[in-house]
Amino acid sequence: MGKKIKSLRVSLLLSILCTITSGINYLTTKLPIVGIMFIVITIALIIQVVAYTTEMKNIKKS
């Protein structure tokens, strides 16, 4: 379980960093394709946060 928790945390951290850098890139370039990619990355981050919280709840139950 320890490796699974650690990998989930690292994945979540990298996803947050990717969202931040994508947002900064969009603010500096204002290209529509970068804006679309920012939206896609943000949706993926939300899905990952939900998966992380449900997995942590399952780990705490057992």
PDB file of N, CA and C in Angstrom:
ATOM      1  N   MET A   1       0.815  -1.205   0.000  1.00  0.00           N
ATOM      2  CA  MET A   1       0.000   0.000   0.000  1.00  0.00           C
ATOM      3  C   MET A   1       0.856   1.265   0.000  1.00  0.00           C
ATOM      4  N   GLY A   2       2.024   1.210   0.594  1.00  0.00           N
ATOM      5  CA  GLY A   2       2.866   2.392   0.695  1.00  0.00           C
ATOM      6  C   GLY A   2       3.285   2.932  -0.662  1.00  0.00           C
ATOM      7  N   LYS A   3       3.652   2.029  -1.575  1.00  0.00           N
ATOM      8  CA  LYS A   3       4.066   2.463  -2.906  1.00  0.00           C
ATOM      9  C   LYS A   3       2.892   3.047  -3.684  1.00  0.00           C
ATOM     10  N   LYS A   4       1.712   2.488  -3.471  1.00  0.00           N
ATOM     11  CA  LYS A   4       0.529   2.977  -4.177  1.00  0.00           C
ATOM     12  C   LYS A   4       0.192   4.399  -3.732  1.00  0.00           C
ATOM     13  N   ILE A   5       0.246   4.646  -2.434  1.00  0.00           N
ATOM     14  CA  ILE A   5      -0.040   5.985  -1.917  1.00  0.00           C
ATOM     15  C   ILE A   5       0.997   6.978  -2.422  1.00  0.00           C
ATOM     16  N   LYS A   6       2.263   6.565  -2.394  1.00  0.00           N
ATOM     17  CA  LYS A   6       3.330   7.454  -2.842  1.00  0.00           C
ATOM     18  C   LYS A   6       3.184   7.772  -4.327  1.00  0.00           C
ATOM     19  N   SER A   7       2.850   6.778  -5.130  1.00  0.00           N
ATOM     20  CA  SER A   7       2.691   7.023  -6.564  1.00  0.00           C
ATOM     21  C   SER A   7       1.478   7.908  -6.848  1.00  0.00           C
ATOM     22  N   LEU A   8       0.411   7.746  -6.069  1.00  0.00           N
ATOM     23  CA  LEU A   8      -0.756   8.617  -6.239  1.00  0.00           C
ATOM     24  C   LEU A   8      -0.420  10.063  -5.895  1.00  0.00           C
ATOM     25  N   ARG A   9       0.341  10.258  -4.836  1.00  0.00           N
ATOM     26  CA  ARG A   9       0.716  11.621  -4.436  1.00  0.00           C
ATOM     27  C   ARG A   9       1.635  12.273  -5.458  1.00  0.00           C
ATOM     28  N   VAL A  10       2.606  11.519  -5.960  1.00  0.00           N
ATOM     29  CA  VAL A  10       3.523  12.063  -6.963  1.00  0.00           C
ATOM     30  C   VAL A  10       2.766  12.395  -8.242  1.00  0.00           C
ATOM     31  N   SER A  11       1.877  11.523  -8.646  1.00  0.00           N
ATOM     32  CA  SER A  11       1.079  11.760  -9.844  1.00  0.00           C
ATOM     33  C   SER A  11       0.195  12.995  -9.687  1.00  0.00           C
ATOM     34  N   LEU A  12      -0.388  13.158  -8.519  1.00  0.00           N
ATOM     35  CA  LEU A  12      -1.223  14.329  -8.258  1.00  0.00           C
ATOM     36  C   LEU A  12      -0.385  15.606  -8.269  1.00  0.00           C
ATOM     37  N   LEU A  13       0.794  15.563  -7.674  1.00  0.00           N
ATOM     38  CA  LEU A  13       1.678  16.727  -7.657  1.00  0.00           C
ATOM     39  C   LEU A  13       2.097  17.115  -9.072  1.00  0.00           C
ATOM     40  N   LEU A  14       2.472  16.135  -9.877  1.00  0.00           N
ATOM     41  CA  LEU A  14       2.876  16.429 -11.249  1.00  0.00           C
ATOM     42  C   LEU A  14       1.708  16.963 -12.075  1.00  0.00           C
ATOM     43  N   SER A  15       0.526  16.483 -11.821  1.00  0.00           N
ATOM     44  CA  SER A  15      -0.646  16.973 -12.531  1.00  0.00           C
ATOM     45  C   SER A  15      -0.946  18.427 -12.162  1.00  0.00           C
ATOM     46  N   ILE A  16      -0.780  18.757 -10.894  1.00  0.00           N
ATOM     47  CA  ILE A  16      -0.975  20.147 -10.458  1.00  0.00           C
ATOM     48  C   ILE A  16       0.059  21.058 -11.108  1.00  0.00           C
ATOM     49  N   LEU A  17       1.318  20.622 -11.134  1.00  0.00           N
ATOM     50  CA  LEU A  17       2.368  21.423 -11.767  1.00  0.00           C
ATOM     51  C   LEU A  17       2.116  21.593 -13.265  1.00  0.00           C
ATOM     52  N   CYS A  18       1.628  20.548 -13.907  1.00  0.00           N
ATOM     53  CA  CYS A  18       1.310  20.619 -15.333  1.00  0.00           C
ATOM     54  C   CYS A  18       0.177  21.609 -15.588  1.00  0.00           C
ATOM     55  N   THR A  19      -0.816  21.616 -14.726  1.00  0.00           N
ATOM     56  CA  THR A  19      -1.929  22.550 -14.876  1.00  0.00           C
ATOM     57  C   THR A  19      -1.459  23.991 -14.692  1.00  0.00           C
ATOM     58  N   ILE A  20      -0.609  24.212 -13.704  1.00  0.00           N
ATOM     59  CA  ILE A  20      -0.098  25.567 -13.457  1.00  0.00           C
ATOM     60  C   ILE A  20       0.729  26.063 -14.637  1.00  0.00           C
ATOM     61  N   THR A  21       1.647  25.231 -15.124  1.00  0.00           N
ATOM     62  CA  THR A  21       2.484  25.664 -16.247  1.00  0.00           C
ATOM     63  C   THR A  21       1.671  25.841 -17.529  1.00  0.00           C
ATOM     64  N   SER A  22       0.665  25.017 -17.723  1.00  0.00           N
ATOM     65  CA  SER A  22      -0.192  25.176 -18.891  1.00  0.00           C
ATOM     66  C   SER A  22      -0.994  26.474 -18.801  1.00  0.00           C
ATOM     67  N   GLY A  23      -1.466  26.803 -17.607  1.00  0.00           N
ATOM     68  CA  GLY A  23      -2.184  28.061 -17.418  1.00  0.00           C
ATOM     69  C   GLY A  23      -1.306  29.271 -17.657  1.00  0.00           C
ATOM     70  N   ILE A  24      -0.078  29.214 -17.167  1.00  0.00           N
ATOM     71  CA  ILE A  24       0.870  30.313 -17.399  1.00  0.00           C
ATOM     72  C   ILE A  24       1.179  30.441 -18.885  1.00  0.00           C
ATOM     73  N   ASN A  25       1.352  29.302 -19.544  1.00  0.00           N
ATOM     74  CA  ASN A  25       1.611  29.315 -20.983  1.00  0.00           C
ATOM     75  C   ASN A  25       0.445  29.944 -21.736  1.00  0.00           C
ATOM     76  N   TYR A  26      -0.775  29.615 -21.339  1.00  0.00           N
ATOM     77  CA  TYR A  26      -1.940  30.205 -22.001  1.00  0.00           C
ATOM     78  C   TYR A  26      -2.009  31.712 -21.765  1.00  0.00           C
ATOM     79  N   LEU A  27      -1.711  32.141 -20.552  1.00  0.00           N
ATOM     80  CA  LEU A  27      -1.771  33.574 -20.259  1.00  0.00           C
ATOM     81  C   LEU A  27      -0.726  34.365 -21.034  1.00  0.00           C
ATOM     82  N   THR A  28       0.413  33.752 -21.328  1.00  0.00           N
ATOM     83  CA  THR A  28       1.451  34.482 -22.051  1.00  0.00           C
ATOM     84  C   THR A  28       1.254  34.443 -23.563  1.00  0.00           C
ATOM     85  N   THR A  29       0.691  33.350 -24.093  1.00  0.00           N
ATOM     86  CA  THR A  29       0.578  33.238 -25.550  1.00  0.00           C
ATOM     87  C   THR A  29      -0.801  33.582 -26.089  1.00  0.00           C
ATOM     88  N   LYS A  30      -1.851  33.313 -25.332  1.00  0.00           N
ATOM     89  CA  LYS A  30      -3.247  33.563 -25.731  1.00  0.00           C
ATOM     90  C   LYS A  30      -3.643  32.817 -27.011  1.00  0.00           C
ATOM     91  N   LEU A  31      -3.024  31.671 -27.247  1.00  0.00           N
ATOM     92  CA  LEU A  31      -3.402  30.853 -28.397  1.00  0.00           C
ATOM     93  C   LEU A  31      -4.604  29.988 -28.040  1.00  0.00           C
ATOM     94  N   PRO A  32      -5.566  29.864 -28.961  1.00  0.00           N
ATOM     95  CA  PRO A  32      -6.766  29.073 -28.655  1.00  0.00           C
ATOM     96  C   PRO A  32      -6.463  27.598 -28.376  1.00  0.00           C
ATOM     97  N   ILE A  33      -5.512  27.013 -29.091  1.00  0.00           N
ATOM     98  CA  ILE A  33      -5.204  25.599 -28.885  1.00  0.00           C
ATOM     99  C   ILE A  33      -4.605  25.370 -27.499  1.00  0.00           C
ATOM    100  N   VAL A  34      -3.842  26.329 -27.016  1.00  0.00           N
ATOM    101  CA  VAL A  34      -3.272  26.215 -25.671  1.00  0.00           C
ATOM    102  C   VAL A  34      -4.385  26.340 -24.636  1.00  0.00           C
ATOM    103  N   GLY A  35      -5.371  27.168 -24.909  1.00  0.00           N
ATOM    104  CA  GLY A  35      -6.523  27.282 -24.018  1.00  0.00           C
ATOM    105  C   GLY A  35      -7.325  25.997 -23.957  1.00  0.00           C
ATOM    106  N   ILE A  36      -7.491  25.357 -25.101  1.00  0.00           N
ATOM    107  CA  ILE A  36      -8.206  24.076 -25.133  1.00  0.00           C
ATOM    108  C   ILE A  36      -7.433  23.025 -24.355  1.00  0.00           C
ATOM    109  N   MET A  37      -6.128  22.989 -24.546  1.00  0.00           N
ATOM    110  CA  MET A  37      -5.301  22.025 -23.811  1.00  0.00           C
ATOM    111  C   MET A  37      -5.337  22.307 -22.310  1.00  0.00           C
ATOM    112  N   PHE A  38      -5.398  23.571 -21.927  1.00  0.00           N
ATOM    113  CA  PHE A  38      -5.506  23.919 -20.512  1.00  0.00           C
ATOM    114  C   PHE A  38      -6.809  23.381 -19.927  1.00  0.00           C
ATOM    115  N   ILE A  39      -7.890  23.493 -20.669  1.00  0.00           N
ATOM    116  CA  ILE A  39      -9.180  22.969 -20.203  1.00  0.00           C
ATOM    117  C   ILE A  39      -9.124  21.450 -20.060  1.00  0.00           C
ATOM    118  N   VAL A  40      -8.524  20.777 -21.039  1.00  0.00           N
ATOM    119  CA  VAL A  40      -8.405  19.317 -20.982  1.00  0.00           C
ATOM    120  C   VAL A  40      -7.555  18.891 -19.790  1.00  0.00           C
ATOM    121  N   ILE A  41      -6.446  19.579 -19.565  1.00  0.00           N
ATOM    122  CA  ILE A  41      -5.567  19.254 -18.438  1.00  0.00           C
ATOM    123  C   ILE A  41      -6.277  19.511 -17.113  1.00  0.00           C
ATOM    124  N   THR A  42      -7.066  20.576 -17.037  1.00  0.00           N
ATOM    125  CA  THR A  42      -7.802  20.874 -15.811  1.00  0.00           C
ATOM    126  C   THR A  42      -8.852  19.803 -15.526  1.00  0.00           C
ATOM    127  N   ILE A  43      -9.536  19.334 -16.561  1.00  0.00           N
ATOM    128  CA  ILE A  43     -10.512  18.255 -16.377  1.00  0.00           C
ATOM    129  C   ILE A  43      -9.818  16.984 -15.904  1.00  0.00           C
ATOM    130  N   ALA A  44      -8.659  16.689 -16.481  1.00  0.00           N
ATOM    131  CA  ALA A  44      -7.897  15.510 -16.053  1.00  0.00           C
ATOM    132  C   ALA A  44      -7.454  15.647 -14.603  1.00  0.00           C
ATOM    133  N   LEU A  45      -7.093  16.851 -14.183  1.00  0.00           N
ATOM    134  CA  LEU A  45      -6.706  17.079 -12.789  1.00  0.00           C
ATOM    135  C   LEU A  45      -7.887  16.837 -11.857  1.00  0.00           C
ATOM    136  N   ILE A  46      -9.056  17.302 -12.234  1.00  0.00           N
ATOM    137  CA  ILE A  46     -10.244  17.093 -11.403  1.00  0.00           C
ATOM    138  C   ILE A  46     -10.551  15.606 -11.265  1.00  0.00           C
ATOM    139  N   ILE A  47     -10.456  14.877 -12.367  1.00  0.00           N
ATOM    140  CA  ILE A  47     -10.685  13.429 -12.318  1.00  0.00           C
ATOM    141  C   ILE A  47      -9.662  12.761 -11.416  1.00  0.00           C
ATOM    142  N   GLN A  48      -8.424  13.199 -11.508  1.00  0.00           N
ATOM    143  CA  GLN A  48      -7.371  12.603 -10.685  1.00  0.00           C
ATOM    144  C   GLN A  48      -7.565  12.921  -9.206  1.00  0.00           C
ATOM    145  N   VAL A  49      -8.019  14.114  -8.876  1.00  0.00           N
ATOM    146  CA  VAL A  49      -8.282  14.463  -7.477  1.00  0.00           C
ATOM    147  C   VAL A  49      -9.409  13.601  -6.923  1.00  0.00           C
ATOM    148  N   VAL A  50     -10.452  13.397  -7.712  1.00  0.00           N
ATOM    149  CA  VAL A  50     -11.557  12.542  -7.272  1.00  0.00           C
ATOM    150  C   VAL A  50     -11.076  11.112  -7.058  1.00  0.00           C
ATOM    151  N   ALA A  51     -10.274  10.606  -7.980  1.00  0.00           N
ATOM    152  CA  ALA A  51      -9.749   9.246  -7.840  1.00  0.00           C
ATOM    153  C   ALA A  51      -8.849   9.132  -6.613  1.00  0.00           C
ATOM    154  N   TYR A  52      -8.050  10.154  -6.359  1.00  0.00           N
ATOM    155  CA  TYR A  52      -7.159  10.143  -5.196  1.00  0.00           C
ATOM    156  C   TYR A  52      -7.957  10.131  -3.896  1.00  0.00           C
ATOM    157  N   THR A  53      -8.990  10.963  -3.813  1.00  0.00           N
ATOM    158  CA  THR A  53      -9.764  11.018  -2.572  1.00  0.00           C
ATOM    159  C   THR A  53     -10.535   9.729  -2.331  1.00  0.00           C
ATOM    160  N   THR A  54     -11.088   9.138  -3.382  1.00  0.00           N
ATOM    161  CA  THR A  54     -11.800   7.873  -3.186  1.00  0.00           C
ATOM    162  C   THR A  54     -10.845   6.759  -2.808  1.00  0.00           C
ATOM    163  N   GLU A  55      -9.666   6.749  -3.383  1.00  0.00           N
ATOM    164  CA  GLU A  55      -8.680   5.720  -3.038  1.00  0.00           C
ATOM    165  C   GLU A  55      -8.205   5.883  -1.596  1.00  0.00           C
ATOM    166  N   MET A  56      -8.015   7.120  -1.161  1.00  0.00           N
ATOM    167  CA  MET A  56      -7.590   7.346   0.228  1.00  0.00           C
ATOM    168  C   MET A  56      -8.696   6.938   1.201  1.00  0.00           C
ATOM    169  N   LYS A  57      -9.957   7.166   0.836  1.00  0.00           N
ATOM    170  CA  LYS A  57     -11.066   6.721   1.687  1.00  0.00           C
ATOM    171  C   LYS A  57     -11.102   5.205   1.776  1.00  0.00           C
ATOM    172  N   ASN A  58     -10.856   4.526   0.648  1.00  0.00           N
ATOM    173  CA  ASN A  58     -10.836   3.063   0.650  1.00  0.00           C
ATOM    174  C   ASN A  58      -9.688   2.520   1.493  1.00  0.00           C
ATOM    175  N   ILE A  59      -8.551   3.185   1.450  1.00  0.00           N
ATOM    176  CA  ILE A  59      -7.400   2.737   2.240  1.00  0.00           C
ATOM    177  C   ILE A  59      -7.667   2.939   3.723  1.00  0.00           C
ATOM    178  N   LYS A  60      -8.288   4.053   4.083  1.00  0.00           N
ATOM    179  CA  LYS A  60      -8.575   4.315   5.498  1.00  0.00           C
ATOM    180  C   LYS A  60      -9.621   3.357   6.053  1.00  0.00           C
ATOM    181  N   LYS A  61     -10.551   2.892   5.206  1.00  0.00           N
ATOM    182  CA  LYS A  61     -11.572   1.946   5.666  1.00  0.00           C
ATOM    183  C   LYS A  61     -10.972   0.592   6.001  1.00  0.00           C
ATOM    184  N   SER A  62      -9.971   0.185   5.227  1.00  0.00           N
ATOM    185  CA  SER A  62      -9.396  -1.148   5.456  1.00  0.00           C
ATOM    186  C   SER A  62      -8.189  -1.121   6.356  1.00  0.00           C
TER     187      SER A  62
END
